[in-house]
Amino acid sequence: MTTQTATRFVSATRLSEGAGVTVHRTIGTHSLKNHDPFIMLDHFSSENPNEYLAGFPDHPHRGFNTFTYMIDGHMEHQDSMGNTGHLGPGSAQWMKAASGVIHSEMPKQEAGLMRGFQLWINLPAANKMDDPEYQEYPAEAFPIVKQDGVQLKVLVGSFADRNSPIVDPVTGVSYFDITVQAGHPFDYEAPPDENSFIYLFEGQGTLNGKPVSPHTLVTLGGEDKAFNLNSGDNGARFIFVSGRPIREPIVQYGPFVMNSREEIEQAMRDFQSHQFVQKRAWMNRKKETVS
């Protein structure tokens, strides 16, 4: 495999979101506005309840998907259509906001570590006004692949003939949580027609020979998108994400991501006139274990 030089290293920006939750943002900042089809990546991690108890009260979304992955802690989802969900350690939720959802994400604990990710994934113009959908799964539903010194959790997509229960027919995203033991390598080649990145959040290592520290996102360059990550003395843990670029205009105003200013203005009018939620979401919550 021919490895290519990583094209861009982006250090996370510390921000306050929701009702005061501290997040580390990489995609969706001045350093990296977007990485088509990805609009935003937030990494939240705190042991201080004062930084997360206020949570994310009711707020709208239109025109994209969100994928929320809980590593530690508990979060409750509620929306204006009556749907509820509970995310615990290792669980995940895929929310297709599309035509419009108003929801909240609130911590269900008063102490301890709260840690996870939320990724915003754009939708093509043809799908931005689709009916909203939900897919929610517990930790045990996601397959884990173990190789020499490497553990890979398949959150979206497939790896080594193991498939995530989450179905994404529109954007074709792959999303893996990868842990590499100290001194071990991990090699992977993403499809050449996709935009890919890694985000290191534990330990340290080198990516194609260049050092990577925590809270760093690296976009992957080269036509074949191949990379080699060698973990440091304390190992390394990171997410790998890849998806097909949409290559359409992106016009964003807060939680609305559309293709034109006129569509943004319509979303604002719909929200202000209480016409924002047009369809009830379909929810798929699966409880059985994937072997």
C-alpha atoms as a PDB file:
ATOM      1  CA  MET A   1       0.000   0.000   0.000  1.00  0.00           C
ATOM      2  CA  THR A   2       1.303   3.454  -0.895  1.00  0.00           C
ATOM      3  CA  THR A   3       0.773   5.936   1.901  1.00  0.00           C
ATOM      4  CA  GLN A   4       0.016   9.566   1.099  1.00  0.00           C
ATOM      5  CA  THR A   5       0.891  12.640   3.126  1.00  0.00           C
ATOM      6  CA  ALA A   6      -1.994  13.867   5.303  1.00  0.00           C
ATOM      7  CA  THR A   7      -3.131  17.129   3.761  1.00  0.00           C
ATOM      8  CA  ARG A   8      -4.199  19.117   6.803  1.00  0.00           C
ATOM      9  CA  PHE A   9      -3.840  19.056  10.590  1.00  0.00           C
ATOM     10  CA  VAL A  10      -6.574  20.966  12.435  1.00  0.00           C
ATOM     11  CA  SER A  11      -6.390  21.605  16.184  1.00  0.00           C
ATOM     12  CA  ALA A  12      -9.754  21.715  17.946  1.00  0.00           C
ATOM     13  CA  THR A  13     -11.266  25.028  19.029  1.00  0.00           C
ATOM     14  CA  ARG A  14     -12.790  25.081  22.516  1.00  0.00           C
ATOM     15  CA  LEU A  15     -16.341  26.486  22.403  1.00  0.00           C
ATOM     16  CA  SER A  16     -19.490  26.724  24.507  1.00  0.00           C
ATOM     17  CA  GLU A  17     -22.643  25.294  22.926  1.00  0.00           C
ATOM     18  CA  GLY A  18     -26.234  24.604  23.945  1.00  0.00           C
ATOM     19  CA  ALA A  19     -26.864  25.979  27.431  1.00  0.00           C
ATOM     20  CA  GLY A  20     -23.141  26.164  28.173  1.00  0.00           C
ATOM     21  CA  VAL A  21     -21.686  22.759  27.303  1.00  0.00           C
ATOM     22  CA  THR A  22     -17.975  22.889  26.476  1.00  0.00           C
ATOM     23  CA  VAL A  23     -17.065  21.218  23.179  1.00  0.00           C
ATOM     24  CA  HIS A  24     -13.907  20.840  21.104  1.00  0.00           C
ATOM     25  CA  ARG A  25     -14.810  21.685  17.484  1.00  0.00           C
ATOM     26  CA  THR A  26     -12.725  21.022  14.400  1.00  0.00           C
ATOM     27  CA  ILE A  27     -15.000  20.914  11.346  1.00  0.00           C
ATOM     28  CA  GLY A  28     -17.199  24.007  11.402  1.00  0.00           C
ATOM     29  CA  THR A  29     -14.495  26.465  12.482  1.00  0.00           C
ATOM     30  CA  HIS A  30     -12.500  29.162  10.704  1.00  0.00           C
ATOM     31  CA  SER A  31      -9.701  26.611  10.303  1.00  0.00           C
ATOM     32  CA  LEU A  32     -11.940  24.084   8.518  1.00  0.00           C
ATOM     33  CA  LYS A  33     -15.369  25.407   7.533  1.00  0.00           C
ATOM     34  CA  ASN A  34     -16.522  22.055   6.149  1.00  0.00           C
ATOM     35  CA  HIS A  35     -15.168  18.826   4.705  1.00  0.00           C
ATOM     36  CA  ASP A  36     -17.872  17.830   2.204  1.00  0.00           C
ATOM     37  CA  PRO A  37     -20.205  16.121   3.141  1.00  0.00           C
ATOM     38  CA  PHE A  38     -19.297  16.897   6.763  1.00  0.00           C
ATOM     39  CA  ILE A  39     -20.507  20.207   8.199  1.00  0.00           C
ATOM     40  CA  MET A  40     -19.450  20.049  11.844  1.00  0.00           C
ATOM     41  CA  LEU A  41     -17.634  17.799  14.324  1.00  0.00           C
ATOM     42  CA  ASP A  42     -17.923  18.410  18.078  1.00  0.00           C
ATOM     43  CA  HIS A  43     -16.085  16.382  20.709  1.00  0.00           C
ATOM     44  CA  PHE A  44     -17.482  16.837  24.217  1.00  0.00           C
ATOM     45  CA  SER A  45     -15.521  15.559  27.190  1.00  0.00           C
ATOM     46  CA  SER A  46     -15.750  16.658  30.810  1.00  0.00           C
ATOM     47  CA  GLU A  47     -15.794  15.307  34.352  1.00  0.00           C
ATOM     48  CA  ASN A  48     -17.154  18.632  35.616  1.00  0.00           C
ATOM     49  CA  PRO A  49     -20.977  18.507  35.782  1.00  0.00           C
ATOM     50  CA  ASN A  50     -21.073  22.306  35.676  1.00  0.00           C
ATOM     51  CA  GLU A  51     -19.873  22.017  32.084  1.00  0.00           C
ATOM     52  CA  TYR A  52     -22.543  19.607  30.868  1.00  0.00           C
ATOM     53  CA  LEU A  53     -25.597  19.504  33.166  1.00  0.00           C
ATOM     54  CA  ALA A  54     -27.331  22.343  31.290  1.00  0.00           C
ATOM     55  CA  GLY A  55     -27.220  20.191  28.160  1.00  0.00           C
ATOM     56  CA  PHE A  56     -28.724  21.137  24.810  1.00  0.00           C
ATOM     57  CA  PRO A  57     -32.310  22.359  25.329  1.00  0.00           C
ATOM     58  CA  ASP A  58     -34.858  22.508  22.501  1.00  0.00           C
ATOM     59  CA  HIS A  59     -33.304  23.574  19.196  1.00  0.00           C
ATOM     60  CA  PRO A  60     -34.184  23.053  15.512  1.00  0.00           C
ATOM     61  CA  HIS A  61     -32.362  21.280  12.660  1.00  0.00           C
ATOM     62  CA  ARG A  62     -33.096  21.256   8.924  1.00  0.00           C
ATOM     63  CA  GLY A  63     -31.268  20.010   5.854  1.00  0.00           C
ATOM     64  CA  PHE A  64     -28.775  17.474   7.240  1.00  0.00           C
ATOM     65  CA  ASN A  65     -28.145  14.387   9.390  1.00  0.00           C
ATOM     66  CA  THR A  66     -26.654  14.250  12.858  1.00  0.00           C
ATOM     67  CA  PHE A  67     -24.762  11.271  14.251  1.00  0.00           C
ATOM     68  CA  THR A  68     -24.259  11.219  18.025  1.00  0.00           C
ATOM     69  CA  TYR A  69     -21.885   8.700  19.598  1.00  0.00           C
ATOM     70  CA  MET A  70     -21.689   8.395  23.380  1.00  0.00           C
ATOM     71  CA  ILE A  71     -18.448   7.020  24.781  1.00  0.00           C
ATOM     72  CA  ASP A  72     -19.111   7.720  28.473  1.00  0.00           C
ATOM     73  CA  GLY A  73     -22.153   9.048  30.316  1.00  0.00           C
ATOM     74  CA  HIS A  74     -25.874   9.157  29.588  1.00  0.00           C
ATOM     75  CA  MET A  75     -27.903  11.496  27.387  1.00  0.00           C
ATOM     76  CA  GLU A  76     -31.654  11.675  26.829  1.00  0.00           C
ATOM     77  CA  HIS A  77     -33.161  12.713  23.496  1.00  0.00           C
ATOM     78  CA  GLN A  78     -36.656  14.242  23.229  1.00  0.00           C
ATOM     79  CA  ASP A  79     -38.310  15.972  20.304  1.00  0.00           C
ATOM     80  CA  SER A  80     -41.390  17.989  19.413  1.00  0.00           C
ATOM     81  CA  MET A  81     -43.026  14.928  17.838  1.00  0.00           C
ATOM     82  CA  GLY A  82     -43.062  12.898  21.028  1.00  0.00           C
ATOM     83  CA  ASN A  83     -40.077  10.670  20.307  1.00  0.00           C
ATOM     84  CA  THR A  84     -37.700   9.861  23.168  1.00  0.00           C
ATOM     85  CA  GLY A  85     -34.400   8.043  23.279  1.00  0.00           C
ATOM     86  CA  HIS A  86     -31.677   7.219  25.761  1.00  0.00           C
ATOM     87  CA  LEU A  87     -28.000   7.107  24.829  1.00  0.00           C
ATOM     88  CA  GLY A  88     -25.701   5.287  27.238  1.00  0.00           C
ATOM     89  CA  PRO A  89     -21.987   4.407  27.069  1.00  0.00           C
ATOM     90  CA  GLY A  90     -21.066   3.075  23.629  1.00  0.00           C
ATOM     91  CA  SER A  91     -24.487   3.721  22.065  1.00  0.00           C
ATOM     92  CA  ALA A  92     -25.263   5.888  19.044  1.00  0.00           C
ATOM     93  CA  GLN A  93     -28.083   7.713  17.285  1.00  0.00           C
ATOM     94  CA  TRP A  94     -28.469   8.653  13.633  1.00  0.00           C
ATOM     95  CA  MET A  95     -30.975  11.476  13.185  1.00  0.00           C
ATOM     96  CA  LYS A  96     -32.049  12.514   9.713  1.00  0.00           C
ATOM     97  CA  ALA A  97     -33.419  15.980  10.426  1.00  0.00           C
ATOM     98  CA  ALA A  98     -34.145  16.688   6.735  1.00  0.00           C
ATOM     99  CA  SER A  99     -37.348  18.811   6.513  1.00  0.00           C
ATOM    100  CA  GLY A 100     -37.217  19.700  10.180  1.00  0.00           C
ATOM    101  CA  VAL A 101     -36.869  18.489  13.754  1.00  0.00           C
ATOM    102  CA  ILE A 102     -36.947  20.357  17.067  1.00  0.00           C
ATOM    103  CA  HIS A 103     -35.263  18.333  19.772  1.00  0.00           C
ATOM    104  CA  SER A 104     -33.280  18.421  23.001  1.00  0.00           C
ATOM    105  CA  GLU A 105     -30.299  16.418  24.239  1.00  0.00           C
ATOM    106  CA  MET A 106     -30.022  16.472  28.017  1.00  0.00           C
ATOM    107  CA  PRO A 107     -27.602  14.667  30.355  1.00  0.00           C
ATOM    108  CA  LYS A 108     -29.122  11.950  32.527  1.00  0.00           C
ATOM    109  CA  GLN A 109     -26.447  12.056  35.228  1.00  0.00           C
ATOM    110  CA  GLU A 110     -25.280  14.526  37.839  1.00  0.00           C
ATOM    111  CA  ALA A 111     -21.671  13.394  38.209  1.00  0.00           C
ATOM    112  CA  GLY A 112     -18.958  11.510  36.376  1.00  0.00           C
ATOM    113  CA  LEU A 113     -17.444  11.617  32.909  1.00  0.00           C
ATOM    114  CA  MET A 114     -19.553  12.770  29.956  1.00  0.00           C
ATOM    115  CA  ARG A 115     -17.808  12.091  26.669  1.00  0.00           C
ATOM    116  CA  GLY A 116     -18.740  11.630  23.032  1.00  0.00           C
ATOM    117  CA  PHE A 117     -19.040  13.088  19.551  1.00  0.00           C
ATOM    118  CA  GLN A 118     -21.633  14.730  17.357  1.00  0.00           C
ATOM    119  CA  LEU A 119     -21.109  14.871  13.604  1.00  0.00           C
ATOM    120  CA  TRP A 120     -23.251  16.879  11.181  1.00  0.00           C
ATOM    121  CA  ILE A 121     -23.542  15.309   7.725  1.00  0.00           C
ATOM    122  CA  ASN A 122     -24.966  17.313   4.854  1.00  0.00           C
ATOM    123  CA  LEU A 123     -27.826  16.072   2.676  1.00  0.00           C
ATOM    124  CA  PRO A 124     -28.118  16.587  -1.098  1.00  0.00           C
ATOM    125  CA  ALA A 125     -30.668  19.148  -2.294  1.00  0.00           C
ATOM    126  CA  ALA A 126     -32.932  16.305  -3.421  1.00  0.00           C
ATOM    127  CA  ASN A 127     -33.136  14.974   0.161  1.00  0.00           C
ATOM    128  CA  LYS A 128     -33.108  18.109   2.314  1.00  0.00           C
ATOM    129  CA  MET A 129     -36.896  18.176   2.625  1.00  0.00           C
ATOM    130  CA  ASP A 130     -37.343  14.425   3.121  1.00  0.00           C
ATOM    131  CA  ASP A 131     -39.311  13.207   6.119  1.00  0.00           C
ATOM    132  CA  PRO A 132     -37.147  12.977   9.262  1.00  0.00           C
ATOM    133  CA  GLU A 133     -35.960   9.580  10.509  1.00  0.00           C
ATOM    134  CA  TYR A 134     -34.239   8.140  13.603  1.00  0.00           C
ATOM    135  CA  GLN A 135     -32.030   5.153  14.162  1.00  0.00           C
ATOM    136  CA  GLU A 136     -30.878   4.422  17.705  1.00  0.00           C
ATOM    137  CA  TYR A 137     -28.841   1.462  18.921  1.00  0.00           C
ATOM    138  CA  PRO A 138     -27.204   0.340  22.195  1.00  0.00           C
ATOM    139  CA  ALA A 139     -23.493  -0.383  22.476  1.00  0.00           C
ATOM    140  CA  GLU A 140     -23.844  -4.129  21.974  1.00  0.00           C
ATOM    141  CA  ALA A 141     -25.510  -3.674  18.569  1.00  0.00           C
ATOM    142  CA  PHE A 142     -22.271  -2.493  16.959  1.00  0.00           C
ATOM    143  CA  PRO A 143     -19.796  -5.146  15.755  1.00  0.00           C
ATOM    144  CA  ILE A 144     -16.201  -5.050  16.993  1.00  0.00           C
ATOM    145  CA  VAL A 145     -13.312  -6.327  14.884  1.00  0.00           C
ATOM    146  CA  LYS A 146     -10.087  -7.328  16.679  1.00  0.00           C
ATOM    147  CA  GLN A 147      -6.793  -7.656  14.853  1.00  0.00           C
ATOM    148  CA  ASP A 148      -3.180  -7.705  16.051  1.00  0.00           C
ATOM    149  CA  GLY A 149      -3.029  -4.857  18.580  1.00  0.00           C
ATOM    150  CA  VAL A 150      -6.088  -3.148  17.110  1.00  0.00           C
ATOM    151  CA  GLN A 151      -9.758  -2.992  18.110  1.00  0.00           C
ATOM    152  CA  LEU A 152     -12.186  -1.412  15.644  1.00  0.00           C
ATOM    153  CA  LYS A 153     -15.842  -0.672  16.399  1.00  0.00           C
ATOM    154  CA  VAL A 154     -18.017  -0.379  13.278  1.00  0.00           C
ATOM    155  CA  LEU A 155     -20.426   2.476  14.029  1.00  0.00           C
ATOM    156  CA  VAL A 156     -21.501   3.234  10.453  1.00  0.00           C
ATOM    157  CA  GLY A 157     -20.617   1.310   7.309  1.00  0.00           C
ATOM    158  CA  SER A 158     -18.669  -1.946   7.186  1.00  0.00           C
ATOM    159  CA  PHE A 159     -15.202  -3.343   7.917  1.00  0.00           C
ATOM    160  CA  ALA A 160     -13.839  -6.876   7.424  1.00  0.00           C
ATOM    161  CA  ASP A 161     -17.318  -8.111   6.428  1.00  0.00           C
ATOM    162  CA  ARG A 162     -18.873  -6.767   9.635  1.00  0.00           C
ATOM    163  CA  ASN A 163     -21.738  -4.328   9.131  1.00  0.00           C
ATOM    164  CA  SER A 164     -23.150  -1.580  11.322  1.00  0.00           C
ATOM    165  CA  PRO A 165     -26.890  -1.760  12.003  1.00  0.00           C
ATOM    166  CA  ILE A 166     -27.199   1.901  10.961  1.00  0.00           C
ATOM    167  CA  VAL A 167     -28.459   2.294   7.397  1.00  0.00           C
ATOM    168  CA  ASP A 168     -27.279   5.325   5.405  1.00  0.00           C
ATOM    169  CA  PRO A 169     -28.380   4.994   1.761  1.00  0.00           C
ATOM    170  CA  VAL A 170     -27.902   8.679   0.918  1.00  0.00           C
ATOM    171  CA  THR A 171     -24.422   9.752   2.039  1.00  0.00           C
ATOM    172  CA  GLY A 172     -22.629   6.393   2.336  1.00  0.00           C
ATOM    173  CA  VAL A 173     -20.703   7.332   5.475  1.00  0.00           C
ATOM    174  CA  SER A 174     -18.175   5.084   7.232  1.00  0.00           C
ATOM    175  CA  TYR A 175     -17.464   5.816  10.901  1.00  0.00           C
ATOM    176  CA  PHE A 176     -15.108   3.685  13.027  1.00  0.00           C
ATOM    177  CA  ASP A 177     -13.865   3.974  16.626  1.00  0.00           C
ATOM    178  CA  ILE A 178     -10.325   2.565  16.539  1.00  0.00           C
ATOM    179  CA  THR A 179      -8.044   1.716  19.461  1.00  0.00           C
ATOM    180  CA  VAL A 180      -4.404   0.852  18.704  1.00  0.00           C
ATOM    181  CA  GLN A 181      -2.251  -0.647  21.457  1.00  0.00           C
ATOM    182  CA  ALA A 182       1.141   0.869  22.255  1.00  0.00           C
ATOM    183  CA  GLY A 183       3.737   0.279  19.575  1.00  0.00           C
ATOM    184  CA  HIS A 184       1.296  -1.213  17.049  1.00  0.00           C
ATOM    185  CA  PRO A 185       0.442   0.111  13.577  1.00  0.00           C
ATOM    186  CA  PHE A 186      -2.894   0.489  11.824  1.00  0.00           C
ATOM    187  CA  ASP A 187      -3.080   0.685   8.034  1.00  0.00           C
ATOM    188  CA  TYR A 188      -6.187   1.526   6.069  1.00  0.00           C
ATOM    189  CA  GLU A 189      -7.153   2.708   2.628  1.00  0.00           C
ATOM    190  CA  ALA A 190     -10.344   4.751   2.216  1.00  0.00           C
ATOM    191  CA  PRO A 191     -12.135   4.851  -1.146  1.00  0.00           C
ATOM    192  CA  PRO A 192     -10.450   7.371  -3.449  1.00  0.00           C
ATOM    193  CA  ASP A 193     -13.725   9.129  -4.299  1.00  0.00           C
ATOM    194  CA  GLU A 194     -14.557   9.949  -0.662  1.00  0.00           C
ATOM    195  CA  ASN A 195     -13.474  12.702   1.736  1.00  0.00           C
ATOM    196  CA  SER A 196     -11.960  11.223   4.886  1.00  0.00           C
ATOM    197  CA  PHE A 197     -10.482  12.295   8.209  1.00  0.00           C
ATOM    198  CA  ILE A 198      -9.287  10.974  11.535  1.00  0.00           C
ATOM    199  CA  TYR A 199      -9.674  12.622  14.942  1.00  0.00           C
ATOM    200  CA  LEU A 200      -7.334  11.511  17.725  1.00  0.00           C
ATOM    201  CA  PHE A 201      -8.826  11.780  21.220  1.00  0.00           C
ATOM    202  CA  GLU A 202      -6.687   9.460  23.374  1.00  0.00           C
ATOM    203  CA  GLY A 203      -2.945   8.834  23.460  1.00  0.00           C
ATOM    204  CA  GLN A 204      -0.712   9.908  20.629  1.00  0.00           C
ATOM    205  CA  GLY A 205       1.030   8.569  17.564  1.00  0.00           C
ATOM    206  CA  THR A 206       2.351   9.299  14.115  1.00  0.00           C
ATOM    207  CA  LEU A 207       0.236   9.457  10.972  1.00  0.00           C
ATOM    208  CA  ASN A 208       2.239   8.749   7.820  1.00  0.00           C
ATOM    209  CA  GLY A 209       5.315   9.663   9.834  1.00  0.00           C
ATOM    210  CA  LYS A 210       3.988  12.940  11.277  1.00  0.00           C
ATOM    211  CA  PRO A 211       3.189  13.296  15.013  1.00  0.00           C
ATOM    212  CA  VAL A 212      -0.456  13.614  16.035  1.00  0.00           C
ATOM    213  CA  SER A 213      -1.616  14.784  19.457  1.00  0.00           C
ATOM    214  CA  PRO A 214      -5.086  14.619  21.095  1.00  0.00           C
ATOM    215  CA  HIS A 215      -7.829  16.982  19.921  1.00  0.00           C
ATOM    216  CA  THR A 216      -6.373  16.996  16.413  1.00  0.00           C
ATOM    217  CA  LEU A 217      -8.274  16.263  13.205  1.00  0.00           C
ATOM    218  CA  VAL A 218      -6.351  15.228  10.110  1.00  0.00           C
ATOM    219  CA  THR A 219      -7.853  15.277   6.626  1.00  0.00           C
ATOM    220  CA  LEU A 220      -6.450  12.581   4.373  1.00  0.00           C
ATOM    221  CA  GLY A 221      -4.823  13.457   1.048  1.00  0.00           C
ATOM    222  CA  GLY A 222      -3.685  11.605  -2.031  1.00  0.00           C
ATOM    223  CA  GLU A 223      -5.801   9.872  -4.616  1.00  0.00           C
ATOM    224  CA  ASP A 224      -5.953   6.547  -2.795  1.00  0.00           C
ATOM    225  CA  LYS A 225      -6.454   8.019   0.728  1.00  0.00           C
ATOM    226  CA  ALA A 226      -4.187   5.404   2.307  1.00  0.00           C
ATOM    227  CA  PHE A 227      -2.684   6.023   5.737  1.00  0.00           C
ATOM    228  CA  ASN A 228      -0.548   4.414   8.402  1.00  0.00           C
ATOM    229  CA  LEU A 229      -0.953   5.256  12.086  1.00  0.00           C
ATOM    230  CA  ASN A 230       1.643   4.081  14.593  1.00  0.00           C
ATOM    231  CA  SER A 231       0.586   4.460  18.215  1.00  0.00           C
ATOM    232  CA  GLY A 232       2.746   6.004  20.933  1.00  0.00           C
ATOM    233  CA  ASP A 233       3.839   4.642  24.292  1.00  0.00           C
ATOM    234  CA  ASN A 234       0.319   4.927  25.741  1.00  0.00           C
ATOM    235  CA  GLY A 235      -1.477   3.688  22.658  1.00  0.00           C
ATOM    236  CA  ALA A 236      -3.860   5.727  20.537  1.00  0.00           C
ATOM    237  CA  ARG A 237      -7.603   5.977  20.070  1.00  0.00           C
ATOM    238  CA  PHE A 238      -9.258   7.853  17.242  1.00  0.00           C
ATOM    239  CA  ILE A 239     -12.303   7.975  15.023  1.00  0.00           C
ATOM    240  CA  PHE A 240     -12.020   7.470  11.286  1.00  0.00           C
ATOM    241  CA  VAL A 241     -14.796   8.982   9.166  1.00  0.00           C
ATOM    242  CA  SER A 242     -15.312   8.957   5.405  1.00  0.00           C
ATOM    243  CA  GLY A 243     -18.137   9.861   3.032  1.00  0.00           C
ATOM    244  CA  ARG A 244     -19.056  10.744  -0.538  1.00  0.00           C
ATOM    245  CA  PRO A 245     -18.812  14.491  -1.258  1.00  0.00           C
ATOM    246  CA  ILE A 246     -22.061  16.086  -2.423  1.00  0.00           C
ATOM    247  CA  ARG A 247     -20.468  18.974  -4.362  1.00  0.00           C
ATOM    248  CA  GLU A 248     -23.395  21.363  -4.013  1.00  0.00           C
ATOM    249  CA  PRO A 249     -23.571  24.912  -2.642  1.00  0.00           C
ATOM    250  CA  ILE A 250     -23.670  25.058   1.163  1.00  0.00           C
ATOM    251  CA  VAL A 251     -25.532  27.904   2.841  1.00  0.00           C
ATOM    252  CA  GLN A 252     -25.642  27.590   6.620  1.00  0.00           C
ATOM    253  CA  TYR A 253     -27.313  29.710   9.246  1.00  0.00           C
ATOM    254  CA  GLY A 254     -26.907  28.137  12.671  1.00  0.00           C
ATOM    255  CA  PRO A 255     -28.853  24.850  12.711  1.00  0.00           C
ATOM    256  CA  PHE A 256     -30.158  25.242   9.136  1.00  0.00           C
ATOM    257  CA  VAL A 257     -28.018  23.889   6.267  1.00  0.00           C
ATOM    258  CA  MET A 258     -29.501  24.473   2.824  1.00  0.00           C
ATOM    259  CA  ASN A 259     -28.407  25.289  -0.744  1.00  0.00           C
ATOM    260  CA  SER A 260     -29.511  28.900  -1.028  1.00  0.00           C
ATOM    261  CA  ARG A 261     -30.186  32.002   1.048  1.00  0.00           C
ATOM    262  CA  GLU A 262     -33.857  31.817   0.044  1.00  0.00           C
ATOM    263  CA  GLU A 263     -34.139  28.326   1.547  1.00  0.00           C
ATOM    264  CA  ILE A 264     -32.533  29.559   4.773  1.00  0.00           C
ATOM    265  CA  GLU A 265     -35.014  32.432   4.958  1.00  0.00           C
ATOM    266  CA  GLN A 266     -37.890  29.978   4.409  1.00  0.00           C
ATOM    267  CA  ALA A 267     -36.574  27.782   7.242  1.00  0.00           C
ATOM    268  CA  MET A 268     -36.476  30.807   9.533  1.00  0.00           C
ATOM    269  CA  ARG A 269     -40.029  31.799   8.561  1.00  0.00           C
ATOM    270  CA  ASP A 270     -41.240  28.240   9.144  1.00  0.00           C
ATOM    271  CA  PHE A 271     -39.597  28.151  12.561  1.00  0.00           C
ATOM    272  CA  GLN A 272     -40.912  31.554  13.628  1.00  0.00           C
ATOM    273  CA  SER A 273     -44.457  30.728  12.449  1.00  0.00           C
ATOM    274  CA  HIS A 274     -44.476  27.304  14.165  1.00  0.00           C
ATOM    275  CA  GLN A 275     -44.692  25.541  10.779  1.00  0.00           C
ATOM    276  CA  PHE A 276     -41.223  24.064  11.007  1.00  0.00           C
ATOM    277  CA  VAL A 277     -42.033  20.440  11.857  1.00  0.00           C
ATOM    278  CA  GLN A 278     -43.882  19.045   8.863  1.00  0.00           C
ATOM    279  CA  LYS A 279     -43.741  15.278   9.322  1.00  0.00           C
ATOM    280  CA  ARG A 280     -43.508  12.887  12.239  1.00  0.00           C
ATOM    281  CA  ALA A 281     -40.229  10.990  12.286  1.00  0.00           C
ATOM    282  CA  TRP A 282     -39.895   7.259  11.897  1.00  0.00           C
ATOM    283  CA  MET A 283     -37.809   5.786  14.714  1.00  0.00           C
ATOM    284  CA  ASN A 284     -35.905   2.536  14.550  1.00  0.00           C
ATOM    285  CA  ARG A 285     -34.603   1.509  17.964  1.00  0.00           C
ATOM    286  CA  LYS A 286     -32.972  -1.903  17.991  1.00  0.00           C
ATOM    287  CA  LYS A 287     -32.177  -3.748  21.185  1.00  0.00           C
ATOM    288  CA  GLU A 288     -30.781  -7.105  20.158  1.00  0.00           C
ATOM    289  CA  THR A 289     -27.081  -7.858  20.189  1.00  0.00           C
ATOM    290  CA  VAL A 290     -25.059  -8.162  16.984  1.00  0.00           C
ATOM    291  CA  SER A 291     -22.701 -11.124  17.270  1.00  0.00           C
END
